[in-house]
Amino acid sequence: MANDKCIFCKIASGSIKAGIVYEDDHVIAFNDIKPLAPVHVVIIPKRHIGMLSDLEDGDAELFGRLAIAAKKIAKTKGIAACGYRIVANCGPDAGQEVFHIHIHLLGGRNFTWPPG
């Protein structure tokens, strides 16, 4: 179910334009408007789920589809061989700003550990 106040739902529905880099029946991905790496793509399910802690057992396949989309995008963006990072934030203390689950695909530079 879409949330009419959610910016990611509006992107998924096409009512807000974004730099779409991948789309299938369940997932849509677009370039982040404030990139933190040469490649920074936001990958969302088309169905609204507020945050990771709202996922239910039946959502396992949907969340897996986000990871598969990340793999495909990494290949098309040329970062699959050298490596990339996937980040999922849950809640405001973790840095979640848009309350529609999503993952960030980051690549094209070296990353350090721990992140922070």
PDB file of N, CA and C in Angstrom:
ATOM      1  N   MET A   1       0.845  -1.179   0.000  1.00  0.00           N
ATOM      2  CA  MET A   1       0.000   0.000   0.000  1.00  0.00           C
ATOM      3  C   MET A   1       0.891   1.244   0.000  1.00  0.00           C
ATOM      4  N   ALA A   2       0.619   2.145  -0.892  1.00  0.00           N
ATOM      5  CA  ALA A   2       1.393   3.384  -0.989  1.00  0.00           C
ATOM      6  C   ALA A   2       0.968   4.370   0.090  1.00  0.00           C
ATOM      7  N   ASN A   3       1.887   5.203   0.473  1.00  0.00           N
ATOM      8  CA  ASN A   3       1.645   6.260   1.440  1.00  0.00           C
ATOM      9  C   ASN A   3       1.708   7.579   0.664  1.00  0.00           C
ATOM     10  N   ASP A   4       0.601   8.306   0.604  1.00  0.00           N
ATOM     11  CA  ASP A   4       0.549   9.509  -0.233  1.00  0.00           C
ATOM     12  C   ASP A   4       1.440  10.647   0.255  1.00  0.00           C
ATOM     13  N   LYS A   5       2.023  10.527   1.449  1.00  0.00           N
ATOM     14  CA  LYS A   5       2.933  11.544   1.960  1.00  0.00           C
ATOM     15  C   LYS A   5       4.402  11.143   1.807  1.00  0.00           C
ATOM     16  N   CYS A   6       4.656   9.941   1.346  1.00  0.00           N
ATOM     17  CA  CYS A   6       6.014   9.397   1.268  1.00  0.00           C
ATOM     18  C   CYS A   6       6.654   9.748  -0.074  1.00  0.00           C
ATOM     19  N   ILE A   7       7.802  10.407  -0.022  1.00  0.00           N
ATOM     20  CA  ILE A   7       8.483  10.800  -1.257  1.00  0.00           C
ATOM     21  C   ILE A   7       8.914   9.582  -2.067  1.00  0.00           C
ATOM     22  N   PHE A   8       9.325   8.494  -1.400  1.00  0.00           N
ATOM     23  CA  PHE A   8       9.735   7.299  -2.136  1.00  0.00           C
ATOM     24  C   PHE A   8       8.539   6.623  -2.798  1.00  0.00           C
ATOM     25  N   CYS A   9       7.363   6.662  -2.175  1.00  0.00           N
ATOM     26  CA  CYS A   9       6.158   6.138  -2.822  1.00  0.00           C
ATOM     27  C   CYS A   9       5.834   6.953  -4.071  1.00  0.00           C
ATOM     28  N   LYS A  10       6.058   8.262  -3.987  1.00  0.00           N
ATOM     29  CA  LYS A  10       5.797   9.128  -5.141  1.00  0.00           C
ATOM     30  C   LYS A  10       6.778   8.839  -6.271  1.00  0.00           C
ATOM     31  N   ILE A  11       8.016   8.540  -5.937  1.00  0.00           N
ATOM     32  CA  ILE A  11       8.989   8.150  -6.958  1.00  0.00           C
ATOM     33  C   ILE A  11       8.581   6.817  -7.564  1.00  0.00           C
ATOM     34  N   ALA A  12       8.192   5.855  -6.715  1.00  0.00           N
ATOM     35  CA  ALA A  12       7.799   4.532  -7.206  1.00  0.00           C
ATOM     36  C   ALA A  12       6.585   4.602  -8.127  1.00  0.00           C
ATOM     37  N   SER A  13       5.678   5.519  -7.855  1.00  0.00           N
ATOM     38  CA  SER A  13       4.472   5.650  -8.674  1.00  0.00           C
ATOM     39  C   SER A  13       4.708   6.470  -9.946  1.00  0.00           C
ATOM     40  N   GLY A  14       5.845   7.154 -10.003  1.00  0.00           N
ATOM     41  CA  GLY A  14       6.148   7.984 -11.162  1.00  0.00           C
ATOM     42  C   GLY A  14       5.657   9.412 -11.049  1.00  0.00           C
ATOM     43  N   SER A  15       5.045   9.777  -9.925  1.00  0.00           N
ATOM     44  CA  SER A  15       4.549  11.147  -9.789  1.00  0.00           C
ATOM     45  C   SER A  15       5.665  12.145  -9.475  1.00  0.00           C
ATOM     46  N   ILE A  16       6.816  11.644  -9.013  1.00  0.00           N
ATOM     47  CA  ILE A  16       8.018  12.458  -8.869  1.00  0.00           C
ATOM     48  C   ILE A  16       9.092  11.782  -9.713  1.00  0.00           C
ATOM     49  N   LYS A  17       9.748  12.556 -10.540  1.00  0.00           N
ATOM     50  CA  LYS A  17      10.804  12.037 -11.403  1.00  0.00           C
ATOM     51  C   LYS A  17      12.102  11.884 -10.609  1.00  0.00           C
ATOM     52  N   ALA A  18      12.824  10.841 -10.928  1.00  0.00           N
ATOM     53  CA  ALA A  18      14.116  10.581 -10.294  1.00  0.00           C
ATOM     54  C   ALA A  18      15.030   9.978 -11.350  1.00  0.00           C
ATOM     55  N   GLY A  19      16.307   9.964 -11.092  1.00  0.00           N
ATOM     56  CA  GLY A  19      17.262   9.356 -12.017  1.00  0.00           C
ATOM     57  C   GLY A  19      17.216   7.846 -11.910  1.00  0.00           C
ATOM     58  N   ILE A  20      16.183   7.244 -12.479  1.00  0.00           N
ATOM     59  CA  ILE A  20      15.966   5.791 -12.360  1.00  0.00           C
ATOM     60  C   ILE A  20      17.096   5.038 -13.054  1.00  0.00           C
ATOM     61  N   VAL A  21      17.693   4.091 -12.330  1.00  0.00           N
ATOM     62  CA  VAL A  21      18.756   3.264 -12.905  1.00  0.00           C
ATOM     63  C   VAL A  21      18.361   1.797 -13.010  1.00  0.00           C
ATOM     64  N   TYR A  22      17.266   1.413 -12.337  1.00  0.00           N
ATOM     65  CA  TYR A  22      16.809   0.027 -12.377  1.00  0.00           C
ATOM     66  C   TYR A  22      15.340   0.003 -11.959  1.00  0.00           C
ATOM     67  N   GLU A  23      14.587  -0.896 -12.592  1.00  0.00           N
ATOM     68  CA  GLU A  23      13.199  -1.093 -12.183  1.00  0.00           C
ATOM     69  C   GLU A  23      12.752  -2.472 -12.612  1.00  0.00           C
ATOM     70  N   ASP A  24      11.998  -3.140 -11.742  1.00  0.00           N
ATOM     71  CA  ASP A  24      11.303  -4.370 -12.094  1.00  0.00           C
ATOM     72  C   ASP A  24       9.911  -4.296 -11.464  1.00  0.00           C
ATOM     73  N   ASP A  25       9.222  -5.400 -11.394  1.00  0.00           N
ATOM     74  CA  ASP A  25       7.849  -5.374 -10.871  1.00  0.00           C
ATOM     75  C   ASP A  25       7.757  -5.011  -9.394  1.00  0.00           C
ATOM     76  N   HIS A  26       8.846  -5.227  -8.631  1.00  0.00           N
ATOM     77  CA  HIS A  26       8.793  -5.057  -7.176  1.00  0.00           C
ATOM     78  C   HIS A  26       9.709  -3.969  -6.630  1.00  0.00           C
ATOM     79  N   VAL A  27      10.722  -3.592  -7.402  1.00  0.00           N
ATOM     80  CA  VAL A  27      11.805  -2.738  -6.913  1.00  0.00           C
ATOM     81  C   VAL A  27      12.056  -1.611  -7.905  1.00  0.00           C
ATOM     82  N   ILE A  28      12.450  -0.466  -7.387  1.00  0.00           N
ATOM     83  CA  ILE A  28      12.902   0.639  -8.236  1.00  0.00           C
ATOM     84  C   ILE A  28      14.146   1.234  -7.574  1.00  0.00           C
ATOM     85  N   ALA A  29      15.086   1.679  -8.402  1.00  0.00           N
ATOM     86  CA  ALA A  29      16.338   2.243  -7.888  1.00  0.00           C
ATOM     87  C   ALA A  29      16.663   3.520  -8.640  1.00  0.00           C
ATOM     88  N   PHE A  30      17.231   4.465  -7.915  1.00  0.00           N
ATOM     89  CA  PHE A  30      17.528   5.765  -8.483  1.00  0.00           C
ATOM     90  C   PHE A  30      18.782   6.334  -7.842  1.00  0.00           C
ATOM     91  N   ASN A  31      19.429   7.251  -8.563  1.00  0.00           N
ATOM     92  CA  ASN A  31      20.622   7.899  -8.041  1.00  0.00           C
ATOM     93  C   ASN A  31      20.255   8.770  -6.842  1.00  0.00           C
ATOM     94  N   ASP A  32      21.079   8.700  -5.803  1.00  0.00           N
ATOM     95  CA  ASP A  32      20.875   9.524  -4.610  1.00  0.00           C
ATOM     96  C   ASP A  32      21.128  10.987  -4.970  1.00  0.00           C
ATOM     97  N   ILE A  33      20.289  11.879  -4.446  1.00  0.00           N
ATOM     98  CA  ILE A  33      20.450  13.304  -4.772  1.00  0.00           C
ATOM     99  C   ILE A  33      21.606  13.953  -4.002  1.00  0.00           C
ATOM    100  N   LYS A  34      22.095  13.287  -2.954  1.00  0.00           N
ATOM    101  CA  LYS A  34      23.260  13.764  -2.206  1.00  0.00           C
ATOM    102  C   LYS A  34      24.275  12.622  -2.118  1.00  0.00           C
ATOM    103  N   PRO A  35      24.930  12.300  -3.238  1.00  0.00           N
ATOM    104  CA  PRO A  35      25.798  11.115  -3.252  1.00  0.00           C
ATOM    105  C   PRO A  35      26.983  11.226  -2.303  1.00  0.00           C
ATOM    106  N   LEU A  36      27.284  10.104  -1.670  1.00  0.00           N
ATOM    107  CA  LEU A  36      28.424  10.005  -0.759  1.00  0.00           C
ATOM    108  C   LEU A  36      29.561   9.199  -1.364  1.00  0.00           C
ATOM    109  N   ALA A  37      29.401   8.794  -2.617  1.00  0.00           N
ATOM    110  CA  ALA A  37      30.415   8.035  -3.342  1.00  0.00           C
ATOM    111  C   ALA A  37      30.165   8.256  -4.828  1.00  0.00           C
ATOM    112  N   PRO A  38      31.156   7.930  -5.666  1.00  0.00           N
ATOM    113  CA  PRO A  38      30.938   8.078  -7.111  1.00  0.00           C
ATOM    114  C   PRO A  38      29.701   7.328  -7.611  1.00  0.00           C
ATOM    115  N   VAL A  39      29.432   6.173  -7.037  1.00  0.00           N
ATOM    116  CA  VAL A  39      28.180   5.462  -7.296  1.00  0.00           C
ATOM    117  C   VAL A  39      27.409   5.455  -5.988  1.00  0.00           C
ATOM    118  N   HIS A  40      26.213   6.029  -5.993  1.00  0.00           N
ATOM    119  CA  HIS A  40      25.349   6.033  -4.803  1.00  0.00           C
ATOM    120  C   HIS A  40      23.912   5.938  -5.292  1.00  0.00           C
ATOM    121  N   VAL A  41      23.370   4.737  -5.164  1.00  0.00           N
ATOM    122  CA  VAL A  41      22.031   4.432  -5.664  1.00  0.00           C
ATOM    123  C   VAL A  41      21.148   4.032  -4.487  1.00  0.00           C
ATOM    124  N   VAL A  42      19.935   4.535  -4.461  1.00  0.00           N
ATOM    125  CA  VAL A  42      18.936   4.162  -3.455  1.00  0.00           C
ATOM    126  C   VAL A  42      18.017   3.120  -4.089  1.00  0.00           C
ATOM    127  N   ILE A  43      17.835   2.011  -3.403  1.00  0.00           N
ATOM    128  CA  ILE A  43      17.018   0.909  -3.914  1.00  0.00           C
ATOM    129  C   ILE A  43      15.861   0.699  -2.957  1.00  0.00           C
ATOM    130  N   ILE A  44      14.633   0.772  -3.492  1.00  0.00           N
ATOM    131  CA  ILE A  44      13.435   0.700  -2.646  1.00  0.00           C
ATOM    132  C   ILE A  44      12.469  -0.348  -3.182  1.00  0.00           C
ATOM    133  N   PRO A  45      11.671  -0.931  -2.280  1.00  0.00           N
ATOM    134  CA  PRO A  45      10.549  -1.722  -2.777  1.00  0.00           C
ATOM    135  C   PRO A  45       9.451  -0.760  -3.235  1.00  0.00           C
ATOM    136  N   LYS A  46       8.685  -1.170  -4.203  1.00  0.00           N
ATOM    137  CA  LYS A  46       7.579  -0.321  -4.656  1.00  0.00           C
ATOM    138  C   LYS A  46       6.470  -0.276  -3.612  1.00  0.00           C
ATOM    139  N   ARG A  47       6.390  -1.299  -2.794  1.00  0.00           N
ATOM    140  CA  ARG A  47       5.388  -1.343  -1.722  1.00  0.00           C
ATOM    141  C   ARG A  47       5.939  -0.619  -0.506  1.00  0.00           C
ATOM    142  N   HIS A  48       5.114   0.219   0.097  1.00  0.00           N
ATOM    143  CA  HIS A  48       5.542   0.999   1.257  1.00  0.00           C
ATOM    144  C   HIS A  48       5.641   0.119   2.504  1.00  0.00           C
ATOM    145  N   ILE A  49       6.814   0.151   3.099  1.00  0.00           N
ATOM    146  CA  ILE A  49       7.066  -0.409   4.432  1.00  0.00           C
ATOM    147  C   ILE A  49       7.932   0.643   5.106  1.00  0.00           C
ATOM    148  N   GLY A  50       7.534   1.099   6.263  1.00  0.00           N
ATOM    149  CA  GLY A  50       8.178   2.246   6.893  1.00  0.00           C
ATOM    150  C   GLY A  50       9.636   2.075   7.233  1.00  0.00           C
ATOM    151  N   MET A  51       9.984   0.998   7.912  1.00  0.00           N
ATOM    152  CA  MET A  51      11.370   0.795   8.315  1.00  0.00           C
ATOM    153  C   MET A  51      11.652  -0.691   8.480  1.00  0.00           C
ATOM    154  N   LEU A  52      12.913  -1.033   8.565  1.00  0.00           N
ATOM    155  CA  LEU A  52      13.300  -2.437   8.633  1.00  0.00           C
ATOM    156  C   LEU A  52      12.590  -3.178   9.759  1.00  0.00           C
ATOM    157  N   SER A  53      12.391  -2.523  10.874  1.00  0.00           N
ATOM    158  CA  SER A  53      11.732  -3.188  12.000  1.00  0.00           C
ATOM    159  C   SER A  53      10.253  -3.441  11.751  1.00  0.00           C
ATOM    160  N   ASP A  54       9.709  -2.911  10.653  1.00  0.00           N
ATOM    161  CA  ASP A  54       8.324  -3.185  10.264  1.00  0.00           C
ATOM    162  C   ASP A  54       8.203  -4.398   9.347  1.00  0.00           C
ATOM    163  N   LEU A  55       9.339  -4.947   8.896  1.00  0.00           N
ATOM    164  CA  LEU A  55       9.289  -6.131   8.035  1.00  0.00           C
ATOM    165  C   LEU A  55       8.668  -7.304   8.780  1.00  0.00           C
ATOM    166  N   GLU A  56       7.955  -8.121   8.047  1.00  0.00           N
ATOM    167  CA  GLU A  56       7.358  -9.339   8.609  1.00  0.00           C
ATOM    168  C   GLU A  56       7.938 -10.533   7.873  1.00  0.00           C
ATOM    169  N   ASP A  57       7.690 -11.735   8.391  1.00  0.00           N
ATOM    170  CA  ASP A  57       8.236 -12.948   7.786  1.00  0.00           C
ATOM    171  C   ASP A  57       7.927 -13.034   6.293  1.00  0.00           C
ATOM    172  N   GLY A  58       6.748 -12.621   5.898  1.00  0.00           N
ATOM    173  CA  GLY A  58       6.354 -12.685   4.499  1.00  0.00           C
ATOM    174  C   GLY A  58       7.081 -11.701   3.598  1.00  0.00           C
ATOM    175  N   ASP A  59       7.869 -10.801   4.177  1.00  0.00           N
ATOM    176  CA  ASP A  59       8.607  -9.806   3.408  1.00  0.00           C
ATOM    177  C   ASP A  59      10.034 -10.243   3.076  1.00  0.00           C
ATOM    178  N   ALA A  60      10.405 -11.457   3.461  1.00  0.00           N
ATOM    179  CA  ALA A  60      11.783 -11.913   3.237  1.00  0.00           C
ATOM    180  C   ALA A  60      12.144 -11.894   1.752  1.00  0.00           C
ATOM    181  N   GLU A  61      11.262 -12.366   0.900  1.00  0.00           N
ATOM    182  CA  GLU A  61      11.556 -12.373  -0.529  1.00  0.00           C
ATOM    183  C   GLU A  61      11.698 -10.944  -1.060  1.00  0.00           C
ATOM    184  N   LEU A  62      10.844 -10.048  -0.618  1.00  0.00           N
ATOM    185  CA  LEU A  62      10.905  -8.662  -1.077  1.00  0.00           C
ATOM    186  C   LEU A  62      12.243  -8.034  -0.703  1.00  0.00           C
ATOM    187  N   PHE A  63      12.690  -8.243   0.521  1.00  0.00           N
ATOM    188  CA  PHE A  63      13.969  -7.666   0.927  1.00  0.00           C
ATOM    189  C   PHE A  63      15.113  -8.309   0.151  1.00  0.00           C
ATOM    190  N   GLY A  64      14.998  -9.592  -0.137  1.00  0.00           N
ATOM    191  CA  GLY A  64      15.989 -10.256  -0.978  1.00  0.00           C
ATOM    192  C   GLY A  64      16.054  -9.657  -2.370  1.00  0.00           C
ATOM    193  N   ARG A  65      14.917  -9.231  -2.884  1.00  0.00           N
ATOM    194  CA  ARG A  65      14.881  -8.588  -4.206  1.00  0.00           C
ATOM    195  C   ARG A  65      15.694  -7.292  -4.222  1.00  0.00           C
ATOM    196  N   LEU A  66      15.747  -6.589  -3.089  1.00  0.00           N
ATOM    197  CA  LEU A  66      16.573  -5.383  -3.006  1.00  0.00           C
ATOM    198  C   LEU A  66      18.045  -5.745  -3.180  1.00  0.00           C
ATOM    199  N   ALA A  67      18.476  -6.831  -2.535  1.00  0.00           N
ATOM    200  CA  ALA A  67      19.869  -7.266  -2.639  1.00  0.00           C
ATOM    201  C   ALA A  67      20.204  -7.727  -4.057  1.00  0.00           C
ATOM    202  N   ILE A  68      19.293  -8.438  -4.691  1.00  0.00           N
ATOM    203  CA  ILE A  68      19.523  -8.887  -6.068  1.00  0.00           C
ATOM    204  C   ILE A  68      19.599  -7.680  -7.003  1.00  0.00           C
ATOM    205  N   ALA A  69      18.738  -6.697  -6.789  1.00  0.00           N
ATOM    206  CA  ALA A  69      18.803  -5.466  -7.592  1.00  0.00           C
ATOM    207  C   ALA A  69      20.150  -4.780  -7.396  1.00  0.00           C
ATOM    208  N   ALA A  70      20.653  -4.738  -6.166  1.00  0.00           N
ATOM    209  CA  ALA A  70      21.953  -4.121  -5.890  1.00  0.00           C
ATOM    210  C   ALA A  70      23.050  -4.832  -6.678  1.00  0.00           C
ATOM    211  N   LYS A  71      23.010  -6.139  -6.708  1.00  0.00           N
ATOM    212  CA  LYS A  71      24.004  -6.909  -7.464  1.00  0.00           C
ATOM    213  C   LYS A  71      23.955  -6.549  -8.947  1.00  0.00           C
ATOM    214  N   LYS A  72      22.768  -6.486  -9.511  1.00  0.00           N
ATOM    215  CA  LYS A  72      22.615  -6.158 -10.933  1.00  0.00           C
ATOM    216  C   LYS A  72      23.094  -4.739 -11.231  1.00  0.00           C
ATOM    217  N   ILE A  73      22.739  -3.801 -10.371  1.00  0.00           N
ATOM    218  CA  ILE A  73      23.132  -2.403 -10.572  1.00  0.00           C
ATOM    219  C   ILE A  73      24.646  -2.261 -10.451  1.00  0.00           C
ATOM    220  N   ALA A  74      25.246  -2.943  -9.471  1.00  0.00           N
ATOM    221  CA  ALA A  74      26.701  -2.889  -9.301  1.00  0.00           C
ATOM    222  C   ALA A  74      27.404  -3.344 -10.571  1.00  0.00           C
ATOM    223  N   LYS A  75      26.865  -4.370 -11.200  1.00  0.00           N
ATOM    224  CA  LYS A  75      27.464  -4.858 -12.445  1.00  0.00           C
ATOM    225  C   LYS A  75      27.341  -3.803 -13.548  1.00  0.00           C
ATOM    226  N   THR A  76      26.148  -3.225 -13.708  1.00  0.00           N
ATOM    227  CA  THR A  76      25.967  -2.235 -14.780  1.00  0.00           C
ATOM    228  C   THR A  76      26.748  -0.953 -14.519  1.00  0.00           C
ATOM    229  N   LYS A  77      26.994  -0.633 -13.254  1.00  0.00           N
ATOM    230  CA  LYS A  77      27.746   0.578 -12.900  1.00  0.00           C
ATOM    231  C   LYS A  77      29.261   0.337 -12.892  1.00  0.00           C
ATOM    232  N   GLY A  78      29.681  -0.912 -13.122  1.00  0.00           N
ATOM    233  CA  GLY A  78      31.100  -1.226 -13.195  1.00  0.00           C
ATOM    234  C   GLY A  78      31.819  -1.329 -11.870  1.00  0.00           C
ATOM    235  N   ILE A  79      31.082  -1.598 -10.789  1.00  0.00           N
ATOM    236  CA  ILE A  79      31.721  -1.695  -9.469  1.00  0.00           C
ATOM    237  C   ILE A  79      31.632  -3.095  -8.875  1.00  0.00           C
ATOM    238  N   ALA A  80      31.075  -4.044  -9.617  1.00  0.00           N
ATOM    239  CA  ALA A  80      30.890  -5.395  -9.072  1.00  0.00           C
ATOM    240  C   ALA A  80      32.223  -6.071  -8.778  1.00  0.00           C
ATOM    241  N   ALA A  81      33.177  -5.940  -9.659  1.00  0.00           N
ATOM    242  CA  ALA A  81      34.450  -6.638  -9.501  1.00  0.00           C
ATOM    243  C   ALA A  81      35.309  -6.036  -8.389  1.00  0.00           C
ATOM    244  N   CYS A  82      35.297  -4.705  -8.252  1.00  0.00           N
ATOM    245  CA  CYS A  82      36.159  -4.059  -7.257  1.00  0.00           C
ATOM    246  C   CYS A  82      35.519  -4.000  -5.873  1.00  0.00           C
ATOM    247  N   GLY A  83      34.212  -4.113  -5.803  1.00  0.00           N
ATOM    248  CA  GLY A  83      33.525  -4.138  -4.522  1.00  0.00           C
ATOM    249  C   GLY A  83      32.625  -2.946  -4.297  1.00  0.00           C
ATOM    250  N   TYR A  84      31.669  -3.146  -3.434  1.00  0.00           N
ATOM    251  CA  TYR A  84      30.688  -2.114  -3.119  1.00  0.00           C
ATOM    252  C   TYR A  84      30.140  -2.365  -1.735  1.00  0.00           C
ATOM    253  N   ARG A  85      29.446  -1.383  -1.225  1.00  0.00           N
ATOM    254  CA  ARG A  85      28.847  -1.477   0.110  1.00  0.00           C
ATOM    255  C   ARG A  85      27.346  -1.290  -0.021  1.00  0.00           C
ATOM    256  N   ILE A  86      26.589  -2.054   0.765  1.00  0.00           N
ATOM    257  CA  ILE A  86      25.145  -1.891   0.882  1.00  0.00           C
ATOM    258  C   ILE A  86      24.863  -1.460   2.318  1.00  0.00           C
ATOM    259  N   VAL A  87      24.088  -0.388   2.465  1.00  0.00           N
ATOM    260  CA  VAL A  87      23.768   0.144   3.786  1.00  0.00           C
ATOM    261  C   VAL A  87      22.254   0.223   3.934  1.00  0.00           C
ATOM    262  N   ALA A  88      21.762  -0.223   5.074  1.00  0.00           N
ATOM    263  CA  ALA A  88      20.348  -0.084   5.417  1.00  0.00           C
ATOM    264  C   ALA A  88      20.270   0.535   6.809  1.00  0.00           C
ATOM    265  N   ASN A  89      19.641   1.683   6.912  1.00  0.00           N
ATOM    266  CA  ASN A  89      19.469   2.361   8.187  1.00  0.00           C
ATOM    267  C   ASN A  89      18.066   2.084   8.715  1.00  0.00           C
ATOM    268  N   CYS A  90      17.960   1.901  10.017  1.00  0.00           N
ATOM    269  CA  CYS A  90      16.654   1.645  10.630  1.00  0.00           C
ATOM    270  C   CYS A  90      16.450   2.596  11.793  1.00  0.00           C
ATOM    271  N   GLY A  91      15.621   3.605  11.576  1.00  0.00           N
ATOM    272  CA  GLY A  91      15.287   4.548  12.632  1.00  0.00           C
ATOM    273  C   GLY A  91      16.163   5.789  12.603  1.00  0.00           C
ATOM    274  N   PRO A  92      15.709   6.816  13.279  1.00  0.00           N
ATOM    275  CA  PRO A  92      16.411   8.107  13.240  1.00  0.00           C
ATOM    276  C   PRO A  92      17.824   8.056  13.821  1.00  0.00           C
ATOM    277  N   ASP A  93      18.068   7.282  14.879  1.00  0.00           N
ATOM    278  CA  ASP A  93      19.407   7.224  15.461  1.00  0.00           C
ATOM    279  C   ASP A  93      20.407   6.553  14.526  1.00  0.00           C
ATOM    280  N   ALA A  94      19.912   5.750  13.590  1.00  0.00           N
ATOM    281  CA  ALA A  94      20.784   5.094  12.614  1.00  0.00           C
ATOM    282  C   ALA A  94      20.960   5.947  11.358  1.00  0.00           C
ATOM    283  N   GLY A  95      20.253   7.056  11.265  1.00  0.00           N
ATOM    284  CA  GLY A  95      20.385   7.943  10.128  1.00  0.00           C
ATOM    285  C   GLY A  95      19.291   7.809   9.087  1.00  0.00           C
ATOM    286  N   GLN A  96      18.231   7.050   9.396  1.00  0.00           N
ATOM    287  CA  GLN A  96      17.134   6.941   8.426  1.00  0.00           C
ATOM    288  C   GLN A  96      16.410   8.276   8.354  1.00  0.00           C
ATOM    289  N   GLU A  97      16.326   8.825   7.134  1.00  0.00           N
ATOM    290  CA  GLU A  97      15.664  10.115   6.929  1.00  0.00           C
ATOM    291  C   GLU A  97      14.312   9.966   6.245  1.00  0.00           C
ATOM    292  N   VAL A  98      14.187   8.978   5.364  1.00  0.00           N
ATOM    293  CA  VAL A  98      12.924   8.723   4.677  1.00  0.00           C
ATOM    294  C   VAL A  98      12.380   7.406   5.214  1.00  0.00           C
ATOM    295  N   PHE A  99      11.183   7.431   5.741  1.00  0.00           N
ATOM    296  CA  PHE A  99      10.617   6.250   6.388  1.00  0.00           C
ATOM    297  C   PHE A  99       9.821   5.406   5.388  1.00  0.00           C
ATOM    298  N   HIS A 100      10.597   4.826   4.487  1.00  0.00           N
ATOM    299  CA  HIS A 100      10.189   3.835   3.487  1.00  0.00           C
ATOM    300  C   HIS A 100      11.456   3.001   3.336  1.00  0.00           C
ATOM    301  N   ILE A 101      11.395   1.712   3.673  1.00  0.00           N
ATOM    302  CA  ILE A 101      12.643   0.945   3.694  1.00  0.00           C
ATOM    303  C   ILE A 101      13.387   1.098   2.375  1.00  0.00           C
ATOM    304  N   HIS A 102      14.698   1.119   2.491  1.00  0.00           N
ATOM    305  CA  HIS A 102      15.559   1.254   1.327  1.00  0.00           C
ATOM    306  C   HIS A 102      16.967   0.845   1.702  1.00  0.00           C
ATOM    307  N   ILE A 103      17.730   0.533   0.672  1.00  0.00           N
ATOM    308  CA  ILE A 103      19.154   0.293   0.873  1.00  0.00           C
ATOM    309  C   ILE A 103      19.922   1.250  -0.024  1.00  0.00           C
ATOM    310  N   HIS A 104      21.102   1.582   0.421  1.00  0.00           N
ATOM    311  CA  HIS A 104      22.004   2.418  -0.358  1.00  0.00           C
ATOM    312  C   HIS A 104      23.074   1.510  -0.940  1.00  0.00           C
ATOM    313  N   LEU A 105      23.303   1.612  -2.231  1.00  0.00           N
ATOM    314  CA  LEU A 105      24.405   0.937  -2.902  1.00  0.00           C
ATOM    315  C   LEU A 105      25.478   1.987  -3.133  1.00  0.00           C
ATOM    316  N   LEU A 106      26.645   1.767  -2.540  1.00  0.00           N
ATOM    317  CA  LEU A 106      27.746   2.720  -2.620  1.00  0.00           C
ATOM    318  C   LEU A 106      28.968   2.040  -3.210  1.00  0.00           C
ATOM    319  N   GLY A 107      29.654   2.725  -4.102  1.00  0.00           N
ATOM    320  CA  GLY A 107      30.865   2.150  -4.678  1.00  0.00           C
ATOM    321  C   GLY A 107      31.635   3.185  -5.463  1.00  0.00           C
ATOM    322  N   GLY A 108      32.735   2.720  -6.036  1.00  0.00           N
ATOM    323  CA  GLY A 108      33.569   3.600  -6.841  1.00  0.00           C
ATOM    324  C   GLY A 108      34.673   4.294  -6.058  1.00  0.00           C
ATOM    325  N   ARG A 109      34.848   3.943  -4.802  1.00  0.00           N
ATOM    326  CA  ARG A 109      35.937   4.462  -3.987  1.00  0.00           C
ATOM    327  C   ARG A 109      36.213   3.475  -2.866  1.00  0.00           C
ATOM    328  N   ASN A 110      37.319   3.652  -2.162  1.00  0.00           N
ATOM    329  CA  ASN A 110      37.644   2.808  -1.015  1.00  0.00           C
ATOM    330  C   ASN A 110      36.834   3.262   0.183  1.00  0.00           C
ATOM    331  N   PHE A 111      36.374   2.304   0.974  1.00  0.00           N
ATOM    332  CA  PHE A 111      35.635   2.599   2.198  1.00  0.00           C
ATOM    333  C   PHE A 111      36.464   2.128   3.393  1.00  0.00           C
ATOM    334  N   THR A 112      36.239   2.767   4.515  1.00  0.00           N
ATOM    335  CA  THR A 112      36.919   2.368   5.744  1.00  0.00           C
ATOM    336  C   THR A 112      35.934   1.634   6.645  1.00  0.00           C
ATOM    337  N   TRP A 113      36.476   1.006   7.678  1.00  0.00           N
ATOM    338  CA  TRP A 113      35.660   0.321   8.669  1.00  0.00           C
ATOM    339  C   TRP A 113      36.185   0.689  10.021  1.00  0.00           C
ATOM    340  N   PRO A 114      35.390   0.971  10.988  1.00  0.00           N
ATOM    341  CA  PRO A 114      33.931   0.969  10.902  1.00  0.00           C
ATOM    342  C   PRO A 114      33.418   2.230  10.226  1.00  0.00           C
ATOM    343  N   PRO A 115      32.211   2.110   9.643  1.00  0.00           N
ATOM    344  CA  PRO A 115      31.597   3.311   9.082  1.00  0.00           C
ATOM    345  C   PRO A 115      31.149   4.231  10.219  1.00  0.00           C
ATOM    346  N   GLY A 116      30.855   5.431   9.937  1.00  0.00           N
ATOM    347  CA  GLY A 116      30.406   6.296  11.008  1.00  0.00           C
ATOM    348  C   GLY A 116      30.378   7.692  10.654  1.00  0.00           C
TER     349      GLY A 116
END
